Amino acid sequence: MATDPSEYEKAMPLVAAHLAKIERAVDRTRASHAGQPYAAVHQALAEALQDEDAQRVVPQVVEELARQISETPVSPPPDIHG
C-alpha cells in the first residue's frame, strides 16, 4: 500500500504543531514538578497536555514522561555569588 507523498507533506505541519504542544506541556511540567512524586507529576502533566489541547497522547507515553520527570533530580539554584 503506497502513500501519496503529497499526503505526507500535508500532514507534517499538523504533526509538528502537535509535537510542539506536547513539548511545551512536558517542559512546563518538568519546570514545576521535577523530583516530585509520580502521582503529582502525572496529574500535572495530564493537565498541562489538556491546557495545550494535546491530550491525545498514548497513555504509556504520558506514564513514561511522568516517571522521568518524577525521577529528575531537582537542581539547586545557581550560585550568583560565585
Protein backbone atom coordinates (compact mmCIF):
# COMPACT_ATOMS: atom_id res chain seq x y z
CA MET A 1 0.00 0.00 0.00
CA ALA A 2 1.74 3.13 -1.22
CA THR A 3 1.10 6.52 0.30
CA ASP A 4 0.95 9.61 -1.86
CA PRO A 5 3.93 11.83 -0.94
CA SER A 6 1.70 14.90 -1.02
CA GLU A 7 -0.33 13.43 1.85
CA TYR A 8 2.86 13.26 3.91
CA GLU A 9 3.65 16.88 3.05
CA LYS A 10 0.17 17.97 4.11
CA ALA A 11 0.29 16.05 7.39
CA MET A 12 3.74 17.16 8.59
CA PRO A 13 2.77 20.69 9.71
CA LEU A 14 -0.06 19.23 11.78
CA VAL A 15 2.23 16.62 13.33
CA ALA A 16 4.90 19.24 14.07
CA ALA A 17 2.33 21.53 15.72
CA HIS A 18 1.03 18.68 17.88
CA LEU A 19 4.55 17.70 18.94
CA ALA A 20 5.30 21.33 19.85
CA LYS A 21 2.24 21.36 22.13
CA ILE A 22 3.41 18.15 23.83
CA GLU A 23 6.90 19.56 24.26
CA ARG A 24 5.55 22.76 25.87
CA ALA A 25 3.44 20.70 28.29
CA VAL A 26 6.40 18.46 29.21
CA ASP A 27 8.75 21.43 29.66
CA ARG A 28 6.25 23.25 31.85
CA THR A 29 5.63 20.15 33.96
CA ARG A 30 9.35 19.44 34.30
CA ALA A 31 9.99 23.04 35.43
CA SER A 32 7.28 22.93 38.08
CA HIS A 33 7.27 19.29 39.22
CA ALA A 34 10.75 17.76 38.73
CA GLY A 35 11.54 15.34 41.55
CA GLN A 36 8.00 15.28 42.93
CA PRO A 37 6.02 12.07 43.48
CA TYR A 38 4.88 10.27 40.33
CA ALA A 39 1.15 10.76 41.02
CA ALA A 40 1.54 14.54 41.32
CA VAL A 41 3.68 14.71 38.18
CA HIS A 42 1.28 12.53 36.21
CA GLN A 43 -1.68 14.72 37.21
CA ALA A 44 0.22 17.93 36.39
CA LEU A 45 1.33 16.55 33.03
CA ALA A 46 -2.21 15.46 32.15
CA GLU A 47 -3.46 18.95 32.99
CA ALA A 48 -0.66 20.62 31.01
CA LEU A 49 -1.43 18.45 27.99
CA GLN A 50 -5.10 19.38 28.28
CA ASP A 51 -4.20 23.09 28.58
CA GLU A 52 -2.19 22.76 25.36
CA ASP A 53 -5.05 20.88 23.66
CA ALA A 54 -2.68 17.95 23.23
CA GLN A 55 -4.37 15.32 25.36
CA ARG A 56 -4.32 12.78 22.51
CA VAL A 57 -1.08 11.11 23.61
CA VAL A 58 -0.61 7.37 24.06
CA PRO A 59 -1.16 6.68 27.79
CA GLN A 60 2.10 4.74 28.07
CA VAL A 61 3.99 7.77 26.74
CA VAL A 62 2.38 10.03 29.34
CA GLU A 63 3.25 7.49 32.06
CA GLU A 64 6.88 7.27 30.92
CA LEU A 65 7.26 11.05 30.71
CA ALA A 66 5.73 11.42 34.18
CA ARG A 67 8.12 8.78 35.55
CA GLN A 68 11.13 10.53 34.02
CA ILE A 69 10.07 13.92 35.37
CA SER A 70 9.41 12.43 38.80
CA GLU A 71 12.87 10.85 38.86
CA THR A 72 14.63 14.02 37.67
CA PRO A 73 16.76 15.38 40.48
CA VAL A 74 15.88 18.90 41.49
CA SER A 75 18.78 21.16 40.58
CA PRO A 76 20.00 23.59 43.20
CA PRO A 77 19.58 27.25 42.37
CA PRO A 78 22.56 28.80 40.58
CA ASP A 79 25.24 30.36 42.77
CA ILE A 80 25.06 34.04 41.92
CA HIS A 81 27.81 34.91 44.38
CA GLY A 82 30.48 32.67 42.91
